[in-house]
Amino acid sequence: MGKKVLVACMAILAISNWAMAQDAPTDDFSKWQFRLRGIVVTPDESADIEAIGGDASISTTVVPEFDITYFFNENWSAELILATTKHDVEAVGTAAGDLDLGHVWLLPPTLTGQYHFTGGDFVPYLGAGLNLTLFYGVDEGPVADDVDYDTSIGYALQGGFDFMLNDKWFLNLDVKKLFLNTDATVNATTALGATVGADVDINPWIIGFGVGVKL
């Protein structure tokens, strides 16, 4: 995983350096952009559960999201995406039946490099970057004694567009795909007499709509 992180960081740094090198001598564009969006987070989940088999079921959630974008020039930018989500978790189709594993909060700050296609009020963009997901506020539910989730580092892809209302304000539609995996450990000694490990792919789709401002 360390190699993946290093390669991703080097790629983002290389894109940022190249973009800065392309910066025009004039300073006639807005360097900062802020958005507030409502997002739907829909996991595309699967799991490899030790001993008892089965799969994972992770709930969809709707939350607010805030992001900050810095433009190196009119086309190239870096965006930091900030939000936190709460998801209900189940192990389904196991040898012990369907197991309610309570809920967990995810904090997934994501940094992407973006290219914006300029030329009018409709401004589409594409992006790719790195995601770090922290798990906190775990409620283990009625079955497990404890559930632990490992911190995840993965990749992110992004596409969307801004629609300019005037020189400053705009509407935004954004779609992201996070490649997010965690190792979960379920201590179910009381109920099942065992501690069970699982390799869980969460891989959520994130669809957002909101409003933004250029400064």
Protein backbone atom coordinates (compact mmCIF):
# COMPACT_ATOMS: atom_id res chain seq x y z
CA MET A 1 0.00 0.00 0.00
CA GLY A 2 2.95 2.33 0.72
CA LYS A 3 4.06 2.08 -2.93
CA LYS A 4 0.56 2.94 -4.17
CA VAL A 5 0.42 6.04 -1.96
CA LEU A 6 3.89 7.19 -3.07
CA VAL A 7 3.06 6.77 -6.77
CA ALA A 8 -0.27 8.61 -6.38
CA CYS A 9 1.33 11.48 -4.46
CA MET A 10 4.12 11.81 -7.03
CA ALA A 11 1.55 11.86 -9.86
CA ILE A 12 -0.49 14.63 -8.21
CA LEU A 13 2.68 16.63 -7.49
CA ALA A 14 3.88 16.22 -11.09
CA ILE A 15 0.54 17.42 -12.48
CA SER A 16 0.53 20.39 -10.09
CA ASN A 17 4.09 21.39 -11.04
CA TRP A 18 3.31 21.10 -14.75
CA ALA A 19 0.15 23.14 -14.35
CA MET A 20 1.99 25.91 -12.52
CA ALA A 21 4.59 25.95 -15.28
CA GLN A 22 1.78 26.53 -17.81
CA ASP A 23 0.35 29.46 -15.85
CA ALA A 24 -0.24 32.51 -18.02
CA PRO A 25 1.64 35.70 -17.17
CA THR A 26 -1.67 37.53 -16.71
CA ASP A 27 -3.71 37.03 -13.55
CA ASP A 28 -7.20 37.41 -15.03
CA PHE A 29 -8.82 34.27 -13.63
CA SER A 30 -10.24 33.37 -10.20
CA LYS A 31 -7.72 31.23 -8.32
CA TRP A 32 -10.05 30.10 -5.53
CA GLN A 33 -13.38 28.34 -5.80
CA PHE A 34 -15.68 27.03 -3.06
CA ARG A 35 -18.68 24.72 -3.36
CA LEU A 36 -21.39 23.50 -1.01
CA ARG A 37 -23.12 20.37 -2.26
CA GLY A 38 -25.61 17.78 -1.12
CA ILE A 39 -24.22 14.34 -1.93
CA VAL A 40 -25.65 10.84 -2.19
CA VAL A 41 -23.09 8.20 -1.16
CA THR A 42 -23.95 4.76 -2.55
CA PRO A 43 -21.50 1.95 -1.69
CA ASP A 44 -20.77 -0.66 -4.36
CA GLU A 45 -19.84 -3.10 -1.64
CA SER A 46 -18.55 -6.68 -1.51
CA ALA A 47 -16.73 -8.70 1.16
CA ASP A 48 -14.65 -11.81 1.72
CA ILE A 49 -15.65 -12.94 5.22
CA GLU A 50 -13.54 -15.56 7.00
CA ALA A 51 -15.01 -18.80 8.40
CA ILE A 52 -18.73 -17.94 8.15
CA GLY A 53 -18.79 -16.67 4.54
CA GLY A 54 -21.43 -14.30 3.26
CA ASP A 55 -21.22 -10.74 2.00
CA ALA A 56 -21.48 -7.14 3.24
CA SER A 57 -24.43 -4.75 2.97
CA ILE A 58 -23.70 -1.05 3.57
CA SER A 59 -26.41 1.59 3.52
CA THR A 60 -26.68 4.58 1.19
CA THR A 61 -26.54 7.98 2.88
CA VAL A 62 -27.21 11.63 2.01
CA VAL A 63 -25.05 14.36 3.59
CA PRO A 64 -23.72 17.88 2.93
CA GLU A 65 -20.23 18.27 1.45
CA PHE A 66 -17.82 21.20 1.21
CA ASP A 67 -14.91 21.49 -1.19
CA ILE A 68 -12.10 23.93 -1.89
CA THR A 69 -10.47 24.31 -5.32
CA TYR A 70 -7.27 26.15 -6.20
CA PHE A 71 -6.64 26.99 -9.87
CA PHE A 72 -3.04 27.01 -11.16
CA ASN A 73 -4.35 28.45 -14.42
CA GLU A 74 -7.74 28.56 -16.18
CA ASN A 75 -7.69 24.82 -16.92
CA TRP A 76 -5.74 23.02 -14.19
CA SER A 77 -6.74 22.89 -10.53
CA ALA A 78 -6.50 20.88 -7.31
CA GLU A 79 -9.61 20.18 -5.26
CA LEU A 80 -9.90 19.10 -1.62
CA ILE A 81 -13.22 17.41 -0.82
CA LEU A 82 -14.50 17.34 2.78
CA ALA A 83 -17.48 15.41 4.15
CA THR A 84 -18.36 12.75 6.70
CA THR A 85 -20.95 9.98 6.36
CA LYS A 86 -22.69 7.45 8.62
CA HIS A 87 -23.47 3.97 7.28
CA ASP A 88 -25.39 0.99 8.65
CA VAL A 89 -23.48 -2.28 8.14
CA GLU A 90 -24.68 -5.89 7.89
CA ALA A 91 -23.03 -9.21 7.16
CA VAL A 92 -25.60 -11.01 4.99
CA GLY A 93 -25.94 -14.62 3.86
CA THR A 94 -23.42 -15.93 6.39
CA ALA A 95 -23.46 -19.39 7.98
CA ALA A 96 -24.88 -17.65 11.07
CA GLY A 97 -27.55 -15.79 9.06
CA ASP A 98 -27.75 -12.02 8.57
CA LEU A 99 -25.78 -10.16 11.25
CA ASP A 100 -26.50 -6.54 12.23
CA LEU A 101 -23.09 -4.92 12.74
CA GLY A 102 -24.42 -1.53 13.79
CA HIS A 103 -23.06 1.57 12.10
CA VAL A 104 -19.81 3.41 11.46
CA TRP A 105 -18.84 6.96 10.52
CA LEU A 106 -16.47 7.54 7.59
CA LEU A 107 -14.27 10.62 7.16
CA PRO A 108 -12.89 10.45 3.59
CA PRO A 109 -10.89 13.60 2.68
CA THR A 110 -10.08 13.36 -1.04
CA LEU A 111 -7.57 15.38 -3.08
CA THR A 112 -7.98 15.42 -6.87
CA GLY A 113 -6.18 17.09 -9.73
CA GLN A 114 -8.64 18.44 -12.32
CA TYR A 115 -8.74 19.63 -15.91
CA HIS A 116 -11.49 22.14 -16.77
CA PHE A 117 -12.72 22.58 -20.36
CA THR A 118 -13.23 26.34 -20.59
CA GLY A 119 -14.97 28.40 -23.26
CA GLY A 120 -18.44 29.31 -22.05
CA ASP A 121 -20.96 29.17 -19.22
CA PHE A 122 -20.96 25.35 -19.33
CA VAL A 123 -17.61 24.17 -17.86
CA PRO A 124 -17.12 20.38 -17.70
CA TYR A 125 -14.13 18.88 -15.89
CA LEU A 126 -12.39 15.56 -15.22
CA GLY A 127 -10.30 14.66 -12.19
CA ALA A 128 -8.31 11.92 -10.49
CA GLY A 129 -6.57 11.72 -7.16
CA LEU A 130 -6.02 10.16 -3.77
CA ASN A 131 -8.46 9.29 -0.98
CA LEU A 132 -7.80 8.71 2.72
CA THR A 133 -10.68 7.23 4.72
CA LEU A 134 -10.79 7.20 8.51
CA PHE A 135 -13.40 5.13 10.39
CA TYR A 136 -14.75 6.43 13.70
CA GLY A 137 -17.83 6.44 15.94
CA VAL A 138 -18.31 2.69 15.58
CA ASP A 139 -21.49 1.17 17.06
CA GLU A 140 -21.03 -2.60 16.91
CA GLY A 141 -24.76 -3.44 17.01
CA PRO A 142 -26.52 -6.23 18.93
CA VAL A 143 -24.36 -9.17 17.78
CA ALA A 144 -20.70 -8.20 18.01
CA ASP A 145 -18.72 -7.30 21.10
CA ASP A 146 -16.54 -4.99 19.01
CA VAL A 147 -15.93 -4.07 15.35
CA ASP A 148 -12.67 -2.54 14.13
CA TYR A 149 -12.04 -1.01 10.68
CA ASP A 150 -8.55 -0.28 9.31
CA THR A 151 -7.79 3.14 7.81
CA SER A 152 -8.01 3.03 4.02
CA ILE A 153 -5.93 4.71 1.31
CA GLY A 154 -7.10 4.47 -2.30
CA TYR A 155 -7.77 6.24 -5.56
CA ALA A 156 -10.57 8.53 -6.76
CA LEU A 157 -11.98 9.36 -10.20
CA GLN A 158 -14.19 12.38 -10.83
CA GLY A 159 -16.27 14.06 -13.52
CA GLY A 160 -18.74 16.90 -13.50
CA PHE A 161 -19.55 20.38 -14.67
CA ASP A 162 -20.09 23.92 -13.44
CA PHE A 163 -22.81 26.09 -14.98
CA MET A 164 -22.02 29.77 -14.56
CA LEU A 165 -24.91 31.97 -13.39
CA ASN A 166 -22.70 35.07 -13.58
CA ASP A 167 -18.98 35.85 -13.26
CA LYS A 168 -18.95 34.74 -9.62
CA TRP A 169 -21.72 32.24 -8.82
CA PHE A 170 -22.41 28.88 -10.44
CA LEU A 171 -24.28 25.59 -10.11
CA ASN A 172 -22.42 22.28 -9.95
CA LEU A 173 -23.08 18.61 -10.69
CA ASP A 174 -20.35 16.17 -9.69
CA VAL A 175 -19.85 12.39 -9.80
CA LYS A 176 -17.02 10.54 -8.08
CA LYS A 177 -15.95 6.93 -7.75
CA LEU A 178 -13.79 6.05 -4.74
CA PHE A 179 -11.81 2.81 -4.70
CA LEU A 180 -12.00 2.14 -0.97
CA ASN A 181 -11.07 -1.08 0.82
CA THR A 182 -10.76 -1.90 4.53
CA ASP A 183 -9.92 -4.90 6.68
CA ALA A 184 -12.64 -5.31 9.31
CA THR A 185 -12.33 -7.40 12.48
CA VAL A 186 -15.56 -8.47 14.16
CA ASN A 187 -15.22 -9.69 17.74
CA ALA A 188 -18.33 -11.87 18.17
CA THR A 189 -17.03 -14.06 20.98
CA THR A 190 -20.22 -13.76 23.04
CA ALA A 191 -22.67 -14.53 20.22
CA LEU A 192 -20.63 -16.81 17.93
CA GLY A 193 -17.66 -17.85 20.04
CA ALA A 194 -15.23 -16.41 17.49
CA THR A 195 -13.49 -13.35 16.11
CA VAL A 196 -14.08 -13.01 12.36
CA GLY A 197 -12.01 -11.04 9.87
CA ALA A 198 -13.29 -9.62 6.59
CA ASP A 199 -11.77 -7.95 3.54
CA VAL A 200 -14.38 -5.35 2.59
CA ASP A 201 -14.57 -3.36 -0.65
CA ILE A 202 -16.80 -0.30 -0.15
CA ASN A 203 -16.05 1.48 -3.48
CA PRO A 204 -18.79 4.14 -3.21
CA TRP A 205 -20.33 6.22 -5.98
CA ILE A 206 -20.76 9.83 -4.83
CA ILE A 207 -23.23 12.03 -6.71
CA GLY A 208 -23.48 15.67 -5.69
CA PHE A 209 -25.37 18.82 -6.66
CA GLY A 210 -24.82 22.25 -5.24
CA VAL A 211 -23.77 25.85 -5.61
CA GLY A 212 -20.34 27.44 -5.79
CA VAL A 213 -18.56 30.78 -5.77
CA LYS A 214 -15.33 32.01 -7.41
CA LEU A 215 -13.06 34.40 -5.51
